[in-house]
Amino acid sequence: MRAVHDKIEGPFAIKEDIDLYGMVAGDATLHRGIRFILHDTIAGNLTIETGARAIVHGTVAGRIYNEGGRVEIFGIADAVVNGSRDAITIDPAAHVRGRP
């Protein structure tokens, strides 16, 4: 897994395993079969494709669209939308706006 410490202009297609300590200024899409760990911020939406895995310790300022991957949220997201019965979203310690 490659560590990234940069600001990335979105839309950003995540096509390799990344451990992000920087920021995505816009939307990001995590492609099938890829692993991604977010420590900082995505300023837009994050889409998770089937078979992808994301661990969110930071902030997704927009929505997380889980289309059949696995998402573990320990940080903050505006909202989470599971778009498939195969979508697995785990958020025991997360703060998802709009939820009590």
PDB file of N, CA and C in Angstrom:
ATOM      1  N   MET A   1       0.856  -1.178   0.000  1.00  0.00           N
ATOM      2  CA  MET A   1       0.000   0.000   0.000  1.00  0.00           C
ATOM      3  C   MET A   1       0.895   1.231   0.000  1.00  0.00           C
ATOM      4  N   ARG A   2       0.563   2.179  -0.867  1.00  0.00           N
ATOM      5  CA  ARG A   2       1.360   3.396  -1.003  1.00  0.00           C
ATOM      6  C   ARG A   2       0.776   4.506  -0.133  1.00  0.00           C
ATOM      7  N   ALA A   3       1.626   5.195   0.623  1.00  0.00           N
ATOM      8  CA  ALA A   3       1.212   6.341   1.445  1.00  0.00           C
ATOM      9  C   ALA A   3       1.280   7.608   0.589  1.00  0.00           C
ATOM     10  N   VAL A   4       0.206   8.417   0.640  1.00  0.00           N
ATOM     11  CA  VAL A   4       0.131   9.659  -0.123  1.00  0.00           C
ATOM     12  C   VAL A   4      -0.094  10.800   0.857  1.00  0.00           C
ATOM     13  N   HIS A   5       0.735  11.868   0.726  1.00  0.00           N
ATOM     14  CA  HIS A   5       0.684  13.023   1.623  1.00  0.00           C
ATOM     15  C   HIS A   5       0.433  14.310   0.844  1.00  0.00           C
ATOM     16  N   ASP A   6      -0.374  14.264  -0.201  1.00  0.00           N
ATOM     17  CA  ASP A   6      -0.595  15.407  -1.079  1.00  0.00           C
ATOM     18  C   ASP A   6      -2.044  15.857  -1.081  1.00  0.00           C
ATOM     19  N   LYS A   7      -2.269  17.046  -1.650  1.00  0.00           N
ATOM     20  CA  LYS A   7      -3.619  17.498  -1.976  1.00  0.00           C
ATOM     21  C   LYS A   7      -3.875  17.073  -3.414  1.00  0.00           C
ATOM     22  N   ILE A   8      -4.975  16.356  -3.626  1.00  0.00           N
ATOM     23  CA  ILE A   8      -5.309  15.818  -4.938  1.00  0.00           C
ATOM     24  C   ILE A   8      -6.587  16.502  -5.421  1.00  0.00           C
ATOM     25  N   GLU A   9      -6.545  17.035  -6.635  1.00  0.00           N
ATOM     26  CA  GLU A   9      -7.733  17.655  -7.215  1.00  0.00           C
ATOM     27  C   GLU A   9      -8.659  16.566  -7.733  1.00  0.00           C
ATOM     28  N   GLY A  10      -9.944  16.662  -7.367  1.00  0.00           N
ATOM     29  CA  GLY A  10     -10.922  15.689  -7.814  1.00  0.00           C
ATOM     30  C   GLY A  10     -11.551  16.121  -9.123  1.00  0.00           C
ATOM     31  N   PRO A  11     -12.252  15.261  -9.798  1.00  0.00           N
ATOM     32  CA  PRO A  11     -12.552  13.907  -9.362  1.00  0.00           C
ATOM     33  C   PRO A  11     -11.314  13.016  -9.425  1.00  0.00           C
ATOM     34  N   PHE A  12     -11.198  12.137  -8.426  1.00  0.00           N
ATOM     35  CA  PHE A  12     -10.026  11.288  -8.267  1.00  0.00           C
ATOM     36  C   PHE A  12     -10.447   9.829  -8.359  1.00  0.00           C
ATOM     37  N   ALA A  13      -9.894   9.109  -9.331  1.00  0.00           N
ATOM     38  CA  ALA A  13     -10.141   7.677  -9.496  1.00  0.00           C
ATOM     39  C   ALA A  13      -9.042   6.924  -8.747  1.00  0.00           C
ATOM     40  N   ILE A  14      -9.422   6.189  -7.712  1.00  0.00           N
ATOM     41  CA  ILE A  14      -8.456   5.448  -6.897  1.00  0.00           C
ATOM     42  C   ILE A  14      -8.321   4.059  -7.513  1.00  0.00           C
ATOM     43  N   LYS A  15      -7.180   3.811  -8.178  1.00  0.00           N
ATOM     44  CA  LYS A  15      -6.966   2.578  -8.929  1.00  0.00           C
ATOM     45  C   LYS A  15      -5.834   1.733  -8.371  1.00  0.00           C
ATOM     46  N   GLU A  16      -5.279   2.150  -7.221  1.00  0.00           N
ATOM     47  CA  GLU A  16      -4.246   1.365  -6.553  1.00  0.00           C
ATOM     48  C   GLU A  16      -4.459   1.493  -5.051  1.00  0.00           C
ATOM     49  N   ASP A  17      -3.913   0.564  -4.289  1.00  0.00           N
ATOM     50  CA  ASP A  17      -4.047   0.600  -2.836  1.00  0.00           C
ATOM     51  C   ASP A  17      -3.338   1.833  -2.296  1.00  0.00           C
ATOM     52  N   ILE A  18      -4.087   2.685  -1.564  1.00  0.00           N
ATOM     53  CA  ILE A  18      -3.548   3.954  -1.068  1.00  0.00           C
ATOM     54  C   ILE A  18      -3.914   4.159   0.390  1.00  0.00           C
ATOM     55  N   ASP A  19      -2.956   4.701   1.122  1.00  0.00           N
ATOM     56  CA  ASP A  19      -3.131   5.158   2.499  1.00  0.00           C
ATOM     57  C   ASP A  19      -2.996   6.681   2.425  1.00  0.00           C
ATOM     58  N   LEU A  20      -4.135   7.419   2.450  1.00  0.00           N
ATOM     59  CA  LEU A  20      -4.130   8.853   2.175  1.00  0.00           C
ATOM     60  C   LEU A  20      -4.079   9.683   3.451  1.00  0.00           C
ATOM     61  N   TYR A  21      -3.000  10.452   3.592  1.00  0.00           N
ATOM     62  CA  TYR A  21      -2.828  11.396   4.693  1.00  0.00           C
ATOM     63  C   TYR A  21      -3.046  12.825   4.215  1.00  0.00           C
ATOM     64  N   GLY A  22      -3.414  12.980   2.956  1.00  0.00           N
ATOM     65  CA  GLY A  22      -3.669  14.287   2.373  1.00  0.00           C
ATOM     66  C   GLY A  22      -5.148  14.503   2.152  1.00  0.00           C
ATOM     67  N   MET A  23      -5.466  15.370   1.194  1.00  0.00           N
ATOM     68  CA  MET A  23      -6.850  15.764   0.947  1.00  0.00           C
ATOM     69  C   MET A  23      -7.214  15.564  -0.511  1.00  0.00           C
ATOM     70  N   VAL A  24      -8.479  15.160  -0.756  1.00  0.00           N
ATOM     71  CA  VAL A  24      -9.018  15.136  -2.104  1.00  0.00           C
ATOM     72  C   VAL A  24      -9.984  16.308  -2.199  1.00  0.00           C
ATOM     73  N   ALA A  25      -9.697  17.250  -3.090  1.00  0.00           N
ATOM     74  CA  ALA A  25     -10.552  18.430  -3.285  1.00  0.00           C
ATOM     75  C   ALA A  25     -11.578  18.095  -4.360  1.00  0.00           C
ATOM     76  N   GLY A  26     -12.636  17.415  -3.961  1.00  0.00           N
ATOM     77  CA  GLY A  26     -13.677  16.985  -4.890  1.00  0.00           C
ATOM     78  C   GLY A  26     -14.087  15.561  -4.594  1.00  0.00           C
ATOM     79  N   ASP A  27     -14.716  14.917  -5.576  1.00  0.00           N
ATOM     80  CA  ASP A  27     -15.201  13.548  -5.416  1.00  0.00           C
ATOM     81  C   ASP A  27     -14.091  12.536  -5.669  1.00  0.00           C
ATOM     82  N   ALA A  28     -14.295  11.321  -5.115  1.00  0.00           N
ATOM     83  CA  ALA A  28     -13.359  10.229  -5.338  1.00  0.00           C
ATOM     84  C   ALA A  28     -14.145   8.941  -5.561  1.00  0.00           C
ATOM     85  N   THR A  29     -13.600   8.065  -6.414  1.00  0.00           N
ATOM     86  CA  THR A  29     -14.193   6.758  -6.668  1.00  0.00           C
ATOM     87  C   THR A  29     -13.149   5.693  -6.408  1.00  0.00           C
ATOM     88  N   LEU A  30     -13.494   4.756  -5.547  1.00  0.00           N
ATOM     89  CA  LEU A  30     -12.619   3.635  -5.215  1.00  0.00           C
ATOM     90  C   LEU A  30     -13.005   2.461  -6.108  1.00  0.00           C
ATOM     91  N   HIS A  31     -12.087   2.059  -6.971  1.00  0.00           N
ATOM     92  CA  HIS A  31     -12.385   1.033  -7.963  1.00  0.00           C
ATOM     93  C   HIS A  31     -12.358  -0.376  -7.378  1.00  0.00           C
ATOM     94  N   ARG A  32     -12.998  -1.268  -8.099  1.00  0.00           N
ATOM     95  CA  ARG A  32     -13.163  -2.674  -7.726  1.00  0.00           C
ATOM     96  C   ARG A  32     -11.832  -3.321  -7.311  1.00  0.00           C
ATOM     97  N   GLY A  33     -11.862  -3.989  -6.150  1.00  0.00           N
ATOM     98  CA  GLY A  33     -10.704  -4.750  -5.696  1.00  0.00           C
ATOM     99  C   GLY A  33      -9.603  -3.930  -5.050  1.00  0.00           C
ATOM    100  N   ILE A  34      -9.775  -2.632  -4.895  1.00  0.00           N
ATOM    101  CA  ILE A  34      -8.741  -1.748  -4.345  1.00  0.00           C
ATOM    102  C   ILE A  34      -9.021  -1.481  -2.872  1.00  0.00           C
ATOM    103  N   ARG A  35      -7.937  -1.314  -2.094  1.00  0.00           N
ATOM    104  CA  ARG A  35      -8.048  -0.960  -0.675  1.00  0.00           C
ATOM    105  C   ARG A  35      -7.614   0.489  -0.490  1.00  0.00           C
ATOM    106  N   PHE A  36      -8.314   1.194   0.415  1.00  0.00           N
ATOM    107  CA  PHE A  36      -8.078   2.619   0.619  1.00  0.00           C
ATOM    108  C   PHE A  36      -8.285   2.951   2.091  1.00  0.00           C
ATOM    109  N   ILE A  37      -7.330   3.671   2.671  1.00  0.00           N
ATOM    110  CA  ILE A  37      -7.461   4.154   4.041  1.00  0.00           C
ATOM    111  C   ILE A  37      -7.370   5.671   4.009  1.00  0.00           C
ATOM    112  N   LEU A  38      -8.398   6.342   4.548  1.00  0.00           N
ATOM    113  CA  LEU A  38      -8.444   7.803   4.584  1.00  0.00           C
ATOM    114  C   LEU A  38      -8.165   8.289   5.999  1.00  0.00           C
ATOM    115  N   HIS A  39      -7.120   9.110   6.135  1.00  0.00           N
ATOM    116  CA  HIS A  39      -6.781   9.697   7.429  1.00  0.00           C
ATOM    117  C   HIS A  39      -7.151  11.172   7.499  1.00  0.00           C
ATOM    118  N   ASP A  40      -7.388  11.815   6.360  1.00  0.00           N
ATOM    119  CA  ASP A  40      -7.640  13.254   6.335  1.00  0.00           C
ATOM    120  C   ASP A  40      -9.026  13.539   5.770  1.00  0.00           C
ATOM    121  N   THR A  41      -9.140  14.167   4.581  1.00  0.00           N
ATOM    122  CA  THR A  41     -10.430  14.671   4.114  1.00  0.00           C
ATOM    123  C   THR A  41     -10.664  14.401   2.635  1.00  0.00           C
ATOM    124  N   ILE A  42     -11.907  14.048   2.318  1.00  0.00           N
ATOM    125  CA  ILE A  42     -12.413  14.090   0.951  1.00  0.00           C
ATOM    126  C   ILE A  42     -13.479  15.181   0.963  1.00  0.00           C
ATOM    127  N   ALA A  43     -13.276  16.223   0.170  1.00  0.00           N
ATOM    128  CA  ALA A  43     -14.155  17.390   0.204  1.00  0.00           C
ATOM    129  C   ALA A  43     -15.461  17.173  -0.556  1.00  0.00           C
ATOM    130  N   GLY A  44     -15.603  16.051  -1.233  1.00  0.00           N
ATOM    131  CA  GLY A  44     -16.822  15.740  -1.979  1.00  0.00           C
ATOM    132  C   GLY A  44     -17.370  14.395  -1.547  1.00  0.00           C
ATOM    133  N   ASN A  45     -17.905  13.644  -2.518  1.00  0.00           N
ATOM    134  CA  ASN A  45     -18.469  12.326  -2.272  1.00  0.00           C
ATOM    135  C   ASN A  45     -17.427  11.243  -2.496  1.00  0.00           C
ATOM    136  N   LEU A  46     -17.631  10.106  -1.841  1.00  0.00           N
ATOM    137  CA  LEU A  46     -16.778   8.931  -2.030  1.00  0.00           C
ATOM    138  C   LEU A  46     -17.666   7.787  -2.485  1.00  0.00           C
ATOM    139  N   THR A  47     -17.353   7.216  -3.665  1.00  0.00           N
ATOM    140  CA  THR A  47     -18.087   6.070  -4.191  1.00  0.00           C
ATOM    141  C   THR A  47     -17.201   4.838  -4.078  1.00  0.00           C
ATOM    142  N   ILE A  48     -17.781   3.763  -3.525  1.00  0.00           N
ATOM    143  CA  ILE A  48     -17.067   2.509  -3.326  1.00  0.00           C
ATOM    144  C   ILE A  48     -17.656   1.482  -4.290  1.00  0.00           C
ATOM    145  N   GLU A  49     -16.862   0.980  -5.219  1.00  0.00           N
ATOM    146  CA  GLU A  49     -17.346  -0.010  -6.165  1.00  0.00           C
ATOM    147  C   GLU A  49     -17.349  -1.406  -5.541  1.00  0.00           C
ATOM    148  N   THR A  50     -18.037  -2.344  -6.191  1.00  0.00           N
ATOM    149  CA  THR A  50     -18.130  -3.721  -5.734  1.00  0.00           C
ATOM    150  C   THR A  50     -16.737  -4.314  -5.518  1.00  0.00           C
ATOM    151  N   GLY A  51     -16.550  -4.936  -4.373  1.00  0.00           N
ATOM    152  CA  GLY A  51     -15.291  -5.615  -4.084  1.00  0.00           C
ATOM    153  C   GLY A  51     -14.183  -4.721  -3.562  1.00  0.00           C
ATOM    154  N   ALA A  52     -14.422  -3.419  -3.469  1.00  0.00           N
ATOM    155  CA  ALA A  52     -13.411  -2.498  -2.929  1.00  0.00           C
ATOM    156  C   ALA A  52     -13.569  -2.417  -1.412  1.00  0.00           C
ATOM    157  N   ARG A  53     -12.519  -1.946  -0.729  1.00  0.00           N
ATOM    158  CA  ARG A  53     -12.570  -1.817   0.730  1.00  0.00           C
ATOM    159  C   ARG A  53     -12.002  -0.465   1.134  1.00  0.00           C
ATOM    160  N   ALA A  54     -12.773   0.268   1.962  1.00  0.00           N
ATOM    161  CA  ALA A  54     -12.339   1.573   2.454  1.00  0.00           C
ATOM    162  C   ALA A  54     -12.436   1.606   3.969  1.00  0.00           C
ATOM    163  N   ILE A  55     -11.432   2.219   4.585  1.00  0.00           N
ATOM    164  CA  ILE A  55     -11.443   2.480   6.020  1.00  0.00           C
ATOM    165  C   ILE A  55     -11.312   3.992   6.171  1.00  0.00           C
ATOM    166  N   VAL A  56     -12.324   4.621   6.780  1.00  0.00           N
ATOM    167  CA  VAL A  56     -12.372   6.070   6.899  1.00  0.00           C
ATOM    168  C   VAL A  56     -12.126   6.473   8.349  1.00  0.00           C
ATOM    169  N   HIS A  57     -10.934   7.037   8.589  1.00  0.00           N
ATOM    170  CA  HIS A  57     -10.607   7.585   9.907  1.00  0.00           C
ATOM    171  C   HIS A  57     -10.793   9.096   9.911  1.00  0.00           C
ATOM    172  N   GLY A  58     -10.866   9.689   8.738  1.00  0.00           N
ATOM    173  CA  GLY A  58     -10.983  11.137   8.600  1.00  0.00           C
ATOM    174  C   GLY A  58     -12.403  11.561   8.292  1.00  0.00           C
ATOM    175  N   THR A  59     -12.539  12.521   7.357  1.00  0.00           N
ATOM    176  CA  THR A  59     -13.825  13.133   7.047  1.00  0.00           C
ATOM    177  C   THR A  59     -14.153  13.010   5.572  1.00  0.00           C
ATOM    178  N   VAL A  60     -15.387  12.593   5.287  1.00  0.00           N
ATOM    179  CA  VAL A  60     -15.940  12.674   3.936  1.00  0.00           C
ATOM    180  C   VAL A  60     -17.016  13.753   4.013  1.00  0.00           C
ATOM    181  N   ALA A  61     -16.730  14.929   3.431  1.00  0.00           N
ATOM    182  CA  ALA A  61     -17.629  16.077   3.554  1.00  0.00           C
ATOM    183  C   ALA A  61     -18.946  15.855   2.817  1.00  0.00           C
ATOM    184  N   GLY A  62     -18.956  14.949   1.856  1.00  0.00           N
ATOM    185  CA  GLY A  62     -20.179  14.610   1.134  1.00  0.00           C
ATOM    186  C   GLY A  62     -20.698  13.254   1.581  1.00  0.00           C
ATOM    187  N   ARG A  63     -21.319  12.559   0.644  1.00  0.00           N
ATOM    188  CA  ARG A  63     -21.893  11.241   0.939  1.00  0.00           C
ATOM    189  C   ARG A  63     -20.931  10.122   0.572  1.00  0.00           C
ATOM    190  N   ILE A  64     -21.079   9.008   1.261  1.00  0.00           N
ATOM    191  CA  ILE A  64     -20.399   7.773   0.895  1.00  0.00           C
ATOM    192  C   ILE A  64     -21.428   6.904   0.200  1.00  0.00           C
ATOM    193  N   TYR A  65     -21.167   6.579  -1.063  1.00  0.00           N
ATOM    194  CA  TYR A  65     -22.041   5.709  -1.840  1.00  0.00           C
ATOM    195  C   TYR A  65     -21.377   4.339  -1.919  1.00  0.00           C
ATOM    196  N   ASN A  66     -21.908   3.367  -1.189  1.00  0.00           N
ATOM    197  CA  ASN A  66     -21.352   2.022  -1.172  1.00  0.00           C
ATOM    198  C   ASN A  66     -22.137   1.166  -2.156  1.00  0.00           C
ATOM    199  N   GLU A  67     -21.499   0.855  -3.277  1.00  0.00           N
ATOM    200  CA  GLU A  67     -22.159   0.109  -4.356  1.00  0.00           C
ATOM    201  C   GLU A  67     -21.860  -1.384  -4.307  1.00  0.00           C
ATOM    202  N   GLY A  68     -21.390  -1.889  -3.170  1.00  0.00           N
ATOM    203  CA  GLY A  68     -21.147  -3.326  -3.045  1.00  0.00           C
ATOM    204  C   GLY A  68     -19.792  -3.659  -2.469  1.00  0.00           C
ATOM    205  N   GLY A  69     -19.145  -2.676  -1.890  1.00  0.00           N
ATOM    206  CA  GLY A  69     -17.856  -2.906  -1.248  1.00  0.00           C
ATOM    207  C   GLY A  69     -18.007  -3.024   0.252  1.00  0.00           C
ATOM    208  N   ARG A  70     -16.890  -2.879   0.945  1.00  0.00           N
ATOM    209  CA  ARG A  70     -16.875  -2.905   2.410  1.00  0.00           C
ATOM    210  C   ARG A  70     -16.309  -1.572   2.884  1.00  0.00           C
ATOM    211  N   VAL A  71     -17.058  -0.876   3.731  1.00  0.00           N
ATOM    212  CA  VAL A  71     -16.636   0.419   4.253  1.00  0.00           C
ATOM    213  C   VAL A  71     -16.696   0.378   5.771  1.00  0.00           C
ATOM    214  N   GLU A  72     -15.593   0.753   6.399  1.00  0.00           N
ATOM    215  CA  GLU A  72     -15.548   0.878   7.851  1.00  0.00           C
ATOM    216  C   GLU A  72     -15.330   2.359   8.157  1.00  0.00           C
ATOM    217  N   ILE A  73     -16.268   2.956   8.901  1.00  0.00           N
ATOM    218  CA  ILE A  73     -16.215   4.390   9.167  1.00  0.00           C
ATOM    219  C   ILE A  73     -15.956   4.614  10.651  1.00  0.00           C
ATOM    220  N   PHE A  74     -14.841   5.245  10.943  1.00  0.00           N
ATOM    221  CA  PHE A  74     -14.487   5.615  12.306  1.00  0.00           C
ATOM    222  C   PHE A  74     -14.430   7.127  12.464  1.00  0.00           C
ATOM    223  N   GLY A  75     -14.628   7.840  11.363  1.00  0.00           N
ATOM    224  CA  GLY A  75     -14.549   9.295  11.343  1.00  0.00           C
ATOM    225  C   GLY A  75     -15.910   9.921  11.131  1.00  0.00           C
ATOM    226  N   ILE A  76     -15.981  10.856  10.155  1.00  0.00           N
ATOM    227  CA  ILE A  76     -17.191  11.636   9.916  1.00  0.00           C
ATOM    228  C   ILE A  76     -17.578  11.542   8.437  1.00  0.00           C
ATOM    229  N   ALA A  77     -18.887  11.415   8.203  1.00  0.00           N
ATOM    230  CA  ALA A  77     -19.422  11.462   6.839  1.00  0.00           C
ATOM    231  C   ALA A  77     -20.732  12.230   6.874  1.00  0.00           C
ATOM    232  N   ASP A  78     -21.052  12.890   5.754  1.00  0.00           N
ATOM    233  CA  ASP A  78     -22.313  13.616   5.677  1.00  0.00           C
ATOM    234  C   ASP A  78     -23.488  12.644   5.667  1.00  0.00           C
ATOM    235  N   ALA A  79     -23.365  11.554   4.905  1.00  0.00           N
ATOM    236  CA  ALA A  79     -24.404  10.531   4.830  1.00  0.00           C
ATOM    237  C   ALA A  79     -23.801   9.277   4.206  1.00  0.00           C
ATOM    238  N   VAL A  80     -24.481   8.151   4.409  1.00  0.00           N
ATOM    239  CA  VAL A  80     -24.056   6.889   3.815  1.00  0.00           C
ATOM    240  C   VAL A  80     -25.237   6.300   3.066  1.00  0.00           C
ATOM    241  N   VAL A  81     -24.984   5.897   1.820  1.00  0.00           N
ATOM    242  CA  VAL A  81     -26.015   5.279   0.991  1.00  0.00           C
ATOM    243  C   VAL A  81     -25.497   3.929   0.532  1.00  0.00           C
ATOM    244  N   ASN A  82     -26.175   2.845   0.931  1.00  0.00           N
ATOM    245  CA  ASN A  82     -25.830   1.513   0.456  1.00  0.00           C
ATOM    246  C   ASN A  82     -26.671   1.229  -0.780  1.00  0.00           C
ATOM    247  N   GLY A  83     -26.015   1.147  -1.934  1.00  0.00           N
ATOM    248  CA  GLY A  83     -26.723   0.989  -3.198  1.00  0.00           C
ATOM    249  C   GLY A  83     -26.843  -0.429  -3.678  1.00  0.00           C
ATOM    250  N   SER A  84     -26.468  -1.404  -2.841  1.00  0.00           N
ATOM    251  CA  SER A  84     -26.493  -2.802  -3.239  1.00  0.00           C
ATOM    252  C   SER A  84     -26.696  -3.666  -2.002  1.00  0.00           C
ATOM    253  N   ARG A  85     -27.302  -4.833  -2.197  1.00  0.00           N
ATOM    254  CA  ARG A  85     -27.438  -5.763  -1.066  1.00  0.00           C
ATOM    255  C   ARG A  85     -26.089  -6.313  -0.633  1.00  0.00           C
ATOM    256  N   ASP A  86     -25.093  -6.244  -1.506  1.00  0.00           N
ATOM    257  CA  ASP A  86     -23.750  -6.719  -1.186  1.00  0.00           C
ATOM    258  C   ASP A  86     -22.942  -5.696  -0.395  1.00  0.00           C
ATOM    259  N   ALA A  87     -23.436  -4.487  -0.269  1.00  0.00           N
ATOM    260  CA  ALA A  87     -22.715  -3.412   0.427  1.00  0.00           C
ATOM    261  C   ALA A  87     -22.648  -3.717   1.923  1.00  0.00           C
ATOM    262  N   ILE A  88     -21.447  -3.595   2.475  1.00  0.00           N
ATOM    263  CA  ILE A  88     -21.242  -3.766   3.916  1.00  0.00           C
ATOM    264  C   ILE A  88     -20.691  -2.457   4.448  1.00  0.00           C
ATOM    265  N   THR A  89     -21.427  -1.827   5.351  1.00  0.00           N
ATOM    266  CA  THR A  89     -20.980  -0.584   5.961  1.00  0.00           C
ATOM    267  C   THR A  89     -20.987  -0.759   7.466  1.00  0.00           C
ATOM    268  N   ILE A  90     -19.828  -0.570   8.064  1.00  0.00           N
ATOM    269  CA  ILE A  90     -19.663  -0.701   9.508  1.00  0.00           C
ATOM    270  C   ILE A  90     -19.305   0.673  10.038  1.00  0.00           C
ATOM    271  N   ASP A  91     -20.098   1.186  10.961  1.00  0.00           N
ATOM    272  CA  ASP A  91     -19.855   2.538  11.472  1.00  0.00           C
ATOM    273  C   ASP A  91     -20.134   2.651  12.963  1.00  0.00           C
ATOM    274  N   PRO A  92     -19.511   1.805  13.779  1.00  0.00           N
ATOM    275  CA  PRO A  92     -19.810   1.829  15.214  1.00  0.00           C
ATOM    276  C   PRO A  92     -19.360   3.091  15.923  1.00  0.00           C
ATOM    277  N   ALA A  93     -18.298   3.721  15.466  1.00  0.00           N
ATOM    278  CA  ALA A  93     -17.766   4.899  16.149  1.00  0.00           C
ATOM    279  C   ALA A  93     -17.892   6.158  15.288  1.00  0.00           C
ATOM    280  N   ALA A  94     -18.643   6.086  14.214  1.00  0.00           N
ATOM    281  CA  ALA A  94     -18.714   7.185  13.261  1.00  0.00           C
ATOM    282  C   ALA A  94     -19.710   8.243  13.675  1.00  0.00           C
ATOM    283  N   HIS A  95     -19.489   9.431  13.147  1.00  0.00           N
ATOM    284  CA  HIS A  95     -20.468  10.507  13.251  1.00  0.00           C
ATOM    285  C   HIS A  95     -20.988  10.757  11.849  1.00  0.00           C
ATOM    286  N   VAL A  96     -22.221  10.307  11.594  1.00  0.00           N
ATOM    287  CA  VAL A  96     -22.850  10.517  10.306  1.00  0.00           C
ATOM    288  C   VAL A  96     -23.918  11.575  10.511  1.00  0.00           C
ATOM    289  N   ARG A  97     -23.744  12.720   9.854  1.00  0.00           N
ATOM    290  CA  ARG A  97     -24.683  13.829  10.032  1.00  0.00           C
ATOM    291  C   ARG A  97     -26.084  13.384   9.646  1.00  0.00           C
ATOM    292  N   GLY A  98     -27.075  13.907  10.340  1.00  0.00           N
ATOM    293  CA  GLY A  98     -28.444  13.559  10.047  1.00  0.00           C
ATOM    294  C   GLY A  98     -28.937  12.332  10.773  1.00  0.00           C
ATOM    295  N   ARG A  99     -28.064  11.663  11.495  1.00  0.00           N
ATOM    296  CA  ARG A  99     -28.457  10.516  12.312  1.00  0.00           C
ATOM    297  C   ARG A  99     -28.295  10.863  13.766  1.00  0.00           C
ATOM    298  N   PRO A 100     -29.155  10.341  14.619  1.00  0.00           N
ATOM    299  CA  PRO A 100     -29.008  10.646  16.058  1.00  0.00           C
ATOM    300  C   PRO A 100     -27.742  10.051  16.633  1.00  0.00           C
TER     301      PRO A 100
END
